[in-house]
């Protein structure tokens, strides 16, 4: 019941915001040329889906995002486990990891475009650089948080390195890893959209860039709405997977029933 009340409050806030925006646009409080109107934006989104115009762009962005999400998460988790379990290697590579993480990823977008062209590879490469460090740092921290007492007890019982990895390190880091997955979805989409925005022939970023080029604020906001809903759906799917795989984790006090 509590969850229902939360959803009602969320829906109420959204409707109040849209209603205020619509009223301000229609009464001239804000200029609809610069801010459009919620009714026009929703009509544009409806037209895109009704005519099928948005589906090819949504497909391209989905492929780029999923590839960036998969490879960025895979290599990030792998690297995080390796360095967390190899303190000597982590000590040597620490300044290089920090230096690479300090580079603004958006700066890399034109470089990837030069290296890989305007196709899918440049967008995936940019997305991977965004996702990798999120997965890496969460995995690294999750493994480092394992209790030394638990490790010592497992070793006394004869657990080998493989057993420790499977039964202690990975379960302990699972919550951290899934937390990184939910964050990484947004970063993977950002990588794909920014890459499309800078140069592509299809995708939601391309759609937004085309609308912006002709001062079509309705098209820009409509593209943003599609992106937001897209990310929310993916986040809900990851959340459902997390709840299914981490059934052993106790619920936080005060959480939803």
Protein backbone atom coordinates (compact mmCIF):
# COMPACT_ATOMS: atom_id res chain seq x y z
CA UNK A 1 0.00 0.00 0.00
CA UNK A 2 2.90 2.28 0.78
CA UNK A 3 4.31 1.68 -2.70
CA UNK A 4 0.98 2.73 -4.22
CA UNK A 5 1.02 6.01 -2.27
CA UNK A 6 4.54 6.72 -3.49
CA UNK A 7 3.49 6.10 -7.09
CA UNK A 8 0.47 8.38 -6.68
CA UNK A 9 2.66 11.16 -5.30
CA UNK A 10 5.12 10.71 -8.19
CA UNK A 11 2.32 10.82 -10.75
CA UNK A 12 0.78 13.85 -9.03
CA UNK A 13 4.05 15.80 -9.10
CA UNK A 14 4.53 15.00 -12.78
CA UNK A 15 0.98 16.03 -13.70
CA UNK A 16 1.29 19.25 -11.66
CA UNK A 17 4.57 20.13 -13.39
CA UNK A 18 3.18 19.42 -16.87
CA UNK A 19 -0.01 21.32 -16.11
CA UNK A 20 1.93 24.36 -14.92
CA UNK A 21 4.17 24.20 -17.99
CA UNK A 22 1.17 23.93 -20.33
CA UNK A 23 -0.60 26.81 -18.63
CA UNK A 24 2.52 29.03 -18.74
CA UNK A 25 3.03 28.28 -22.45
CA UNK A 26 -0.58 28.96 -23.40
CA UNK A 27 -0.85 32.18 -21.41
CA UNK A 28 2.44 33.61 -22.65
CA UNK A 29 4.25 33.38 -19.31
CA UNK A 30 6.98 31.48 -21.18
CA UNK A 31 7.70 31.55 -24.89
CA UNK A 32 6.58 28.26 -26.53
CA UNK A 33 9.17 28.83 -29.28
CA UNK A 34 11.91 28.15 -26.73
CA UNK A 35 10.08 25.78 -24.37
CA UNK A 36 7.33 24.23 -26.54
CA UNK A 37 4.21 22.82 -24.84
CA UNK A 38 3.72 19.42 -23.16
CA UNK A 39 0.67 18.77 -25.37
CA UNK A 40 2.73 19.39 -28.53
CA UNK A 41 5.58 17.23 -27.24
CA UNK A 42 3.29 14.31 -26.41
CA UNK A 43 1.58 14.70 -29.80
CA UNK A 44 4.98 14.52 -31.53
CA UNK A 45 5.97 11.41 -29.57
CA UNK A 46 2.63 9.80 -30.41
CA UNK A 47 3.11 10.61 -34.11
CA UNK A 48 6.61 9.15 -34.12
CA UNK A 49 5.41 5.85 -32.69
CA UNK A 50 2.15 5.78 -34.70
CA UNK A 51 3.95 6.27 -38.02
CA UNK A 52 6.94 4.10 -37.02
CA UNK A 53 9.34 6.97 -37.68
CA UNK A 54 11.14 6.54 -34.37
CA UNK A 55 11.66 2.76 -34.45
CA UNK A 56 14.78 2.67 -36.69
CA UNK A 57 16.40 5.36 -34.54
CA UNK A 58 15.42 3.58 -31.33
CA UNK A 59 16.86 0.32 -32.70
CA UNK A 60 20.22 1.90 -33.57
CA UNK A 61 20.54 3.56 -30.16
CA UNK A 62 19.48 0.32 -28.41
CA UNK A 63 22.17 -1.72 -30.18
CA UNK A 64 24.87 0.85 -29.41
CA UNK A 65 23.76 1.15 -25.80
CA UNK A 66 23.55 -2.60 -25.20
CA UNK A 67 26.98 -3.27 -26.69
CA UNK A 68 28.55 -0.46 -24.67
CA UNK A 69 26.75 -1.64 -21.53
CA UNK A 70 27.83 -5.27 -21.99
CA UNK A 71 31.48 -4.72 -22.88
CA UNK A 72 31.97 -1.84 -20.44
CA UNK A 73 30.47 -3.84 -17.57
CA UNK A 74 32.30 -7.05 -18.50
CA UNK A 75 35.75 -5.48 -18.66
CA UNK A 76 35.05 -3.22 -15.67
CA UNK A 77 34.03 -6.14 -13.43
CA UNK A 78 36.93 -8.26 -14.69
CA UNK A 79 39.46 -5.48 -14.08
CA UNK A 80 37.93 -4.65 -10.70
CA UNK A 81 38.21 -8.27 -9.53
CA UNK A 82 41.78 -8.59 -10.80
CA UNK A 83 43.10 -5.46 -9.11
CA UNK A 84 41.17 -6.05 -5.88
CA UNK A 85 42.68 -9.54 -5.61
CA UNK A 86 46.15 -8.40 -6.71
CA UNK A 87 47.23 -5.59 -4.33
CA UNK A 88 50.70 -5.33 -5.85
CA UNK A 89 49.37 -4.85 -9.38
CA UNK A 90 46.76 -2.38 -8.08
CA UNK A 91 49.51 -0.33 -6.43
CA UNK A 92 51.47 -0.12 -9.70
CA UNK A 93 48.46 0.70 -11.90
CA UNK A 94 46.77 3.09 -9.44
CA UNK A 95 48.08 6.38 -10.96
CA UNK A 96 47.27 5.23 -14.50
CA UNK A 97 43.71 4.28 -13.60
CA UNK A 98 43.19 7.64 -11.87
CA UNK A 99 44.69 9.52 -14.82
CA UNK A 100 42.46 7.74 -17.33
CA UNK A 101 39.39 8.29 -15.15
CA UNK A 102 40.20 12.02 -14.97
CA UNK A 103 39.86 12.43 -18.75
CA UNK A 104 36.46 13.95 -19.69
CA UNK A 105 34.85 11.24 -21.83
CA UNK A 106 33.09 13.71 -24.12
CA UNK A 107 36.52 14.90 -25.28
CA UNK A 108 37.15 11.39 -26.58
CA UNK A 109 34.07 11.40 -28.83
CA UNK A 110 35.72 13.27 -31.76
CA UNK A 111 38.82 11.08 -31.43
CA UNK A 112 36.76 7.89 -31.60
CA UNK A 113 34.94 9.30 -34.62
CA UNK A 114 38.30 9.83 -36.34
CA UNK A 115 39.50 6.35 -35.40
CA UNK A 116 36.35 4.31 -36.04
CA UNK A 117 34.31 6.53 -38.37
CA UNK A 118 30.66 7.54 -38.12
CA UNK A 119 29.40 3.99 -37.68
CA UNK A 120 28.42 2.06 -34.59
CA UNK A 121 31.96 1.41 -33.33
CA UNK A 122 32.68 5.02 -32.36
CA UNK A 123 29.47 5.21 -30.29
CA UNK A 124 30.13 1.87 -28.60
CA UNK A 125 33.72 2.89 -27.79
CA UNK A 126 32.55 6.10 -26.15
CA UNK A 127 29.88 4.24 -24.18
CA UNK A 128 32.42 1.65 -23.01
CA UNK A 129 34.70 4.34 -21.59
CA UNK A 130 31.75 5.73 -19.60
CA UNK A 131 30.51 2.39 -18.30
CA UNK A 132 33.89 0.78 -17.62
CA UNK A 133 34.97 2.97 -14.71
CA UNK A 134 31.58 2.80 -12.99
CA UNK A 135 31.66 -1.02 -13.04
CA UNK A 136 35.38 -1.11 -12.19
CA UNK A 137 35.27 1.07 -9.08
CA UNK A 138 32.11 -0.56 -7.71
CA UNK A 139 33.50 -4.06 -8.19
CA UNK A 140 36.88 -3.10 -6.72
CA UNK A 141 35.30 -1.52 -3.65
CA UNK A 142 32.85 -4.40 -3.19
CA UNK A 143 35.65 -6.97 -3.12
CA UNK A 144 37.78 -4.86 -0.79
CA UNK A 145 34.85 -4.62 1.65
CA UNK A 146 34.89 -8.38 2.31
CA UNK A 147 35.43 -9.09 6.00
CA UNK A 148 38.92 -10.48 6.77
CA UNK A 149 37.34 -12.65 9.50
CA UNK A 150 35.12 -14.37 6.95
CA UNK A 151 38.10 -14.93 4.64
CA UNK A 152 40.26 -16.37 7.41
CA UNK A 153 37.50 -18.72 8.54
CA UNK A 154 36.98 -19.92 4.96
CA UNK A 155 40.71 -20.56 4.56
CA UNK A 156 40.81 -22.49 7.82
CA UNK A 157 38.04 -24.70 6.43
CA UNK A 158 40.22 -25.43 3.40
CA UNK A 159 38.69 -23.05 0.83
CA UNK A 160 40.90 -22.50 -2.22
CA UNK A 161 41.19 -19.29 -4.25
CA UNK A 162 38.46 -20.42 -6.65
CA UNK A 163 36.10 -21.20 -3.77
CA UNK A 164 36.78 -17.82 -2.18
CA UNK A 165 36.04 -16.08 -5.47
CA UNK A 166 32.80 -17.96 -6.07
CA UNK A 167 31.37 -18.14 -2.57
CA UNK A 168 32.72 -15.02 -0.84
CA UNK A 169 34.13 -12.34 -3.13
CA UNK A 170 31.46 -12.40 -5.85
CA UNK A 171 28.45 -12.59 -3.48
CA UNK A 172 29.94 -9.79 -1.36
CA UNK A 173 30.48 -7.61 -4.43
CA UNK A 174 27.14 -8.50 -6.04
CA UNK A 175 25.24 -5.58 -4.49
CA UNK A 176 27.97 -3.17 -5.56
CA UNK A 177 28.03 -4.61 -9.08
CA UNK A 178 24.25 -4.36 -9.50
CA UNK A 179 24.38 -0.82 -8.17
CA UNK A 180 26.90 -0.04 -10.91
CA UNK A 181 24.67 -1.68 -13.52
CA UNK A 182 21.78 0.66 -12.77
CA UNK A 183 24.10 3.65 -13.03
CA UNK A 184 25.82 2.28 -16.12
CA UNK A 185 22.58 2.14 -18.11
CA UNK A 186 22.35 5.91 -18.13
CA UNK A 187 26.02 6.28 -19.03
CA UNK A 188 25.72 3.77 -21.87
CA UNK A 189 22.80 5.74 -23.30
CA UNK A 190 24.75 8.99 -22.88
CA UNK A 191 27.68 7.52 -24.80
CA UNK A 192 25.46 6.38 -27.65
CA UNK A 193 23.46 9.62 -27.87
CA UNK A 194 26.48 11.96 -27.63
CA UNK A 195 28.23 9.96 -30.35
CA UNK A 196 25.13 10.16 -32.55
CA UNK A 197 24.77 13.84 -31.81
CA UNK A 198 28.30 14.56 -33.04
CA UNK A 199 27.99 12.54 -36.21
CA UNK A 200 25.67 9.76 -37.41
CA UNK A 201 22.91 8.95 -39.85
CA UNK A 202 20.45 7.40 -37.38
CA UNK A 203 19.67 7.14 -33.68
CA UNK A 204 17.88 9.20 -31.05
CA UNK A 205 20.87 11.54 -30.79
CA UNK A 206 20.68 12.11 -34.53
CA UNK A 207 16.94 12.78 -34.24
CA UNK A 208 17.54 15.39 -31.52
CA UNK A 209 20.40 17.00 -33.45
CA UNK A 210 18.21 17.27 -36.58
CA UNK A 211 15.42 18.94 -34.59
CA UNK A 212 17.86 21.32 -32.95
CA UNK A 213 19.32 22.25 -36.34
CA UNK A 214 15.97 23.66 -37.48
CA UNK A 215 15.08 25.22 -34.09
CA UNK A 216 12.38 22.60 -33.50
CA UNK A 217 12.18 22.65 -29.70
CA UNK A 218 9.20 20.29 -29.76
CA UNK A 219 11.31 17.68 -31.55
CA UNK A 220 14.20 18.17 -29.11
CA UNK A 221 11.97 17.70 -26.07
CA UNK A 222 10.18 14.77 -27.72
CA UNK A 223 13.53 13.05 -28.27
CA UNK A 224 14.44 13.68 -24.63
CA UNK A 225 11.13 12.21 -23.47
CA UNK A 226 11.70 9.04 -25.50
CA UNK A 227 15.21 8.77 -24.06
CA UNK A 228 14.01 9.19 -20.48
CA UNK A 229 11.29 6.55 -20.85
CA UNK A 230 13.77 4.23 -22.57
CA UNK A 231 16.24 4.51 -19.66
CA UNK A 232 13.51 4.10 -17.04
CA UNK A 233 12.32 0.86 -18.69
CA UNK A 234 15.87 -0.52 -18.78
CA UNK A 235 16.45 0.50 -15.16
CA UNK A 236 13.24 -1.29 -14.13
CA UNK A 237 14.41 -4.46 -15.92
CA UNK A 238 17.79 -4.39 -14.16
CA UNK A 239 16.03 -3.73 -10.85
CA UNK A 240 13.78 -6.77 -11.39
CA UNK A 241 16.84 -8.91 -12.22
CA UNK A 242 18.62 -7.63 -9.12
CA UNK A 243 15.69 -8.52 -6.86
CA UNK A 244 15.52 -11.99 -8.39
CA UNK A 245 19.23 -12.77 -8.11
CA UNK A 246 19.82 -11.14 -4.72
CA UNK A 247 16.90 -12.73 -2.88
CA UNK A 248 19.24 -13.52 0.03
CA UNK A 249 19.90 -9.83 0.70
CA UNK A 250 17.79 -8.44 3.59
CA UNK A 251 15.48 -5.56 2.77
CA UNK A 252 16.47 -2.16 4.07
CA UNK A 253 14.39 -1.07 7.05
CA UNK A 254 11.55 1.12 5.86
CA UNK A 255 11.69 -0.25 2.33
CA UNK A 256 8.65 -1.06 0.26
CA UNK A 257 6.58 -4.01 1.31
